[in-house]
Amino acid sequence: MSRDERRLTTALREASGDLLAYLQRRVGNDDAPDLLGETMVVAWRRVGDLPDDPERARMWLFGIARKTLLNHARGERRRWALADRIRGQVTTDAAAAAADEGAEVRDAIARLQPDLAELVRLVHWERFSIAEAAEVLGVPASTARGRYAQAKDVLRAALDAGIVVPGR
C-alpha cells in the first residue's frame, strides 16, 4: 500500500462518521450510506490529490461529499422530471387508447394467458420479431413460434365470435 493510500485510509476512517452524518442530514438515512460509498470511491480515484495536512484532507473529503450530493440532487431532479413527463404521456396515451377502435383487440389480448399475451404485445406493439421476442421472454424461438400461432388462433376465434378469450 502506498503512502497516499495509507493516508487516505486513515482520513476515511477518521472522517467517515462525520461524512455519514453530513449526508444523512441532507438526504436522510436511506440514501446517505450509498452517497458515502460514492464519496469514498471518488476519493480513492483521486488519492493523488489528497492534501498532506490531516485537517485539509478532512475538508477535501467533505468537498467530495458535497459534489456527490450535488450530483445526487441533479439526478433526483432529472428522475422526477422524467416521471412527470411519463405520467403526462401515459395519461394522454390512455385517453387516446380509450377512444380508438382497437379496444376490442387490446381487451382480447389482455384475456389471453399471460405468456401468450406478452408474446403478442412484444411482436405487435414493440415490433420485435418472434425470435427477438423469444429471447426477451427467455424461451426457444420454436416455442415462441408455437405460442404465437396458438395466440393468433385464440384471438381470431374470440374476435370473430365476439366472445371472451379463455385461459385467464
Protein backbone atom coordinates (compact mmCIF):
# COMPACT_ATOMS: atom_id res chain seq x y z
CA MET A 1 0.00 0.00 0.00
CA SER A 2 1.40 3.39 -0.98
CA ARG A 3 1.88 6.28 1.40
CA ASP A 4 -1.10 8.14 -0.16
CA GLU A 5 -3.31 5.08 0.19
CA ARG A 6 -2.40 4.71 3.87
CA ARG A 7 -3.11 8.40 4.49
CA LEU A 8 -6.47 8.12 2.68
CA THR A 9 -7.40 5.03 4.67
CA THR A 10 -6.65 6.93 7.86
CA ALA A 11 -8.53 10.05 6.71
CA LEU A 12 -11.58 7.99 5.71
CA ARG A 13 -11.55 6.04 8.97
CA GLU A 14 -11.46 9.27 10.97
CA ALA A 15 -13.98 11.23 8.87
CA SER A 16 -16.48 8.58 7.74
CA GLY A 17 -18.77 9.01 10.75
CA ASP A 18 -18.89 12.78 10.27
CA LEU A 19 -19.32 12.38 6.50
CA LEU A 20 -22.22 9.98 7.00
CA ALA A 21 -23.90 12.36 9.46
CA TYR A 22 -23.37 15.23 6.99
CA LEU A 23 -25.03 13.22 4.22
CA GLN A 24 -27.85 11.94 6.46
CA ARG A 25 -28.80 15.48 7.46
CA ARG A 26 -29.21 16.34 3.79
CA VAL A 27 -30.77 13.24 2.23
CA GLY A 28 -31.97 11.08 5.11
CA ASN A 29 -30.95 7.63 6.25
CA ASP A 30 -31.92 5.73 3.08
CA ASP A 31 -29.58 7.37 0.57
CA ALA A 32 -26.76 8.54 2.85
CA PRO A 33 -24.80 5.24 3.02
CA ASP A 34 -24.82 4.96 -0.78
CA LEU A 35 -23.62 8.53 -1.11
CA LEU A 36 -20.88 7.87 1.43
CA GLY A 37 -19.79 4.92 -0.68
CA GLU A 38 -19.74 7.09 -3.81
CA THR A 39 -17.72 9.70 -1.92
CA MET A 40 -15.19 7.05 -0.93
CA VAL A 41 -14.91 5.73 -4.49
CA VAL A 42 -14.18 9.23 -5.80
CA ALA A 43 -11.64 9.80 -3.02
CA TRP A 44 -9.85 6.57 -3.93
CA ARG A 45 -9.82 7.53 -7.61
CA ARG A 46 -8.31 10.89 -6.69
CA VAL A 47 -5.96 9.63 -3.95
CA GLY A 48 -3.08 11.53 -5.57
CA ASP A 49 -4.88 14.83 -4.82
CA LEU A 50 -5.15 14.09 -1.08
CA PRO A 51 -3.70 17.02 0.92
CA ASP A 52 -0.86 16.23 3.34
CA ASP A 53 -2.36 18.10 6.29
CA PRO A 54 -4.94 15.89 8.11
CA GLU A 55 -7.43 18.76 8.55
CA ARG A 56 -7.09 19.75 4.87
CA ALA A 57 -7.60 16.08 3.97
CA ARG A 58 -10.81 16.05 6.03
CA MET A 59 -12.05 19.19 4.27
CA TRP A 60 -11.10 17.65 0.93
CA LEU A 61 -13.30 14.63 1.75
CA PHE A 62 -16.18 16.93 2.68
CA GLY A 63 -15.72 18.73 -0.65
CA ILE A 64 -16.03 15.42 -2.46
CA ALA A 65 -19.13 14.56 -0.39
CA ARG A 66 -20.67 17.92 -1.29
CA LYS A 67 -20.12 17.31 -5.01
CA THR A 68 -21.58 13.82 -4.62
CA LEU A 69 -24.66 15.40 -3.01
CA LEU A 70 -24.98 17.88 -5.86
CA ASN A 71 -24.80 15.07 -8.42
CA HIS A 72 -27.39 13.13 -6.44
CA ALA A 73 -29.74 16.14 -6.30
CA ARG A 74 -29.33 16.72 -10.03
CA GLY A 75 -30.15 13.07 -10.70
CA GLU A 76 -33.20 13.24 -8.44
CA ARG A 77 -34.49 16.32 -10.27
CA ARG A 78 -33.99 14.57 -13.61
CA ARG A 79 -35.81 11.45 -12.38
CA TRP A 80 -38.77 13.50 -11.10
CA ALA A 81 -38.93 15.49 -14.34
CA LEU A 82 -38.86 12.27 -16.36
CA ALA A 83 -41.55 10.73 -14.16
CA ASP A 84 -43.72 13.82 -14.68
CA ARG A 85 -43.24 13.62 -18.46
CA ILE A 86 -44.05 9.90 -18.46
CA ARG A 87 -47.16 10.44 -16.32
CA GLY A 88 -48.33 13.13 -18.73
CA GLN A 89 -47.65 10.91 -21.73
CA VAL A 90 -49.34 7.89 -20.17
CA THR A 91 -52.40 9.98 -19.36
CA THR A 92 -52.51 11.29 -22.93
CA ASP A 93 -51.92 7.82 -24.39
CA ALA A 94 -54.54 6.24 -22.13
CA ALA A 95 -57.15 8.80 -23.19
CA ALA A 96 -56.31 8.26 -26.86
CA ALA A 97 -56.34 4.48 -26.43
CA ALA A 98 -59.73 4.56 -24.77
CA ALA A 99 -61.16 6.46 -27.71
CA ASP A 100 -59.76 4.29 -30.53
CA GLU A 101 -61.21 1.31 -32.31
CA GLY A 102 -58.53 -1.12 -31.07
CA ALA A 103 -60.10 -1.53 -27.64
CA GLU A 104 -61.64 -4.88 -28.62
CA VAL A 105 -58.29 -6.27 -29.67
CA ARG A 106 -56.49 -4.96 -26.57
CA ASP A 107 -59.22 -6.45 -24.42
CA ALA A 108 -58.91 -9.81 -26.20
CA ILE A 109 -55.12 -9.77 -25.78
CA ALA A 110 -55.49 -8.94 -22.10
CA ARG A 111 -57.63 -12.05 -21.66
CA LEU A 112 -55.02 -14.38 -23.15
CA GLN A 113 -52.82 -16.46 -20.89
CA PRO A 114 -50.11 -14.08 -19.60
CA ASP A 115 -47.24 -15.67 -21.56
CA LEU A 116 -49.23 -15.58 -24.80
CA ALA A 117 -50.38 -12.01 -24.23
CA GLU A 118 -46.83 -10.80 -23.61
CA LEU A 119 -45.59 -12.53 -26.75
CA VAL A 120 -48.30 -10.87 -28.85
CA ARG A 121 -47.54 -7.48 -27.29
CA LEU A 122 -43.81 -7.83 -27.94
CA VAL A 123 -44.38 -8.76 -31.57
CA HIS A 124 -47.11 -6.24 -32.40
CA TRP A 125 -46.67 -3.36 -30.01
CA GLU A 126 -42.90 -3.36 -29.53
CA ARG A 127 -42.23 -4.55 -33.11
CA PHE A 128 -39.92 -7.42 -32.13
CA SER A 129 -39.56 -10.40 -34.44
CA ILE A 130 -40.79 -13.66 -32.95
CA ALA A 131 -37.16 -14.74 -32.46
CA GLU A 132 -36.34 -11.47 -30.68
CA ALA A 133 -39.45 -11.76 -28.51
CA ALA A 134 -38.40 -15.32 -27.66
CA GLU A 135 -35.04 -14.01 -26.47
CA VAL A 136 -36.72 -11.35 -24.32
CA LEU A 137 -39.02 -13.99 -22.82
CA GLY A 138 -36.18 -16.47 -22.33
CA VAL A 139 -37.74 -19.25 -24.41
CA PRO A 140 -36.55 -21.03 -27.57
CA ALA A 141 -37.66 -19.44 -30.85
CA SER A 142 -39.53 -22.63 -31.76
CA THR A 143 -41.53 -22.38 -28.53
CA ALA A 144 -42.34 -18.75 -29.26
CA ARG A 145 -43.48 -19.60 -32.80
CA GLY A 146 -45.81 -22.28 -31.44
CA ARG A 147 -47.19 -19.97 -28.75
CA TYR A 148 -47.65 -17.17 -31.28
CA ALA A 149 -49.63 -19.47 -33.58
CA GLN A 150 -51.75 -20.57 -30.63
CA ALA A 151 -52.35 -16.94 -29.58
CA LYS A 152 -53.36 -15.96 -33.12
CA ASP A 153 -55.86 -18.84 -33.30
CA VAL A 154 -57.40 -17.96 -29.94
CA LEU A 155 -57.58 -14.25 -30.78
CA ARG A 156 -59.05 -14.88 -34.23
CA ALA A 157 -61.74 -17.13 -32.78
CA ALA A 158 -62.54 -14.70 -29.97
CA LEU A 159 -62.74 -11.67 -32.24
CA ASP A 160 -64.78 -13.49 -34.89
CA ALA A 161 -67.23 -14.81 -32.34
CA GLY A 162 -67.21 -11.73 -30.11
CA ILE A 163 -66.61 -13.89 -27.06
CA VAL A 164 -64.35 -13.67 -24.04
CA VAL A 165 -60.96 -15.33 -24.55
CA PRO A 166 -60.43 -18.32 -22.21
CA GLY A 167 -57.29 -19.03 -20.25
CA ARG A 168 -57.03 -16.15 -17.84
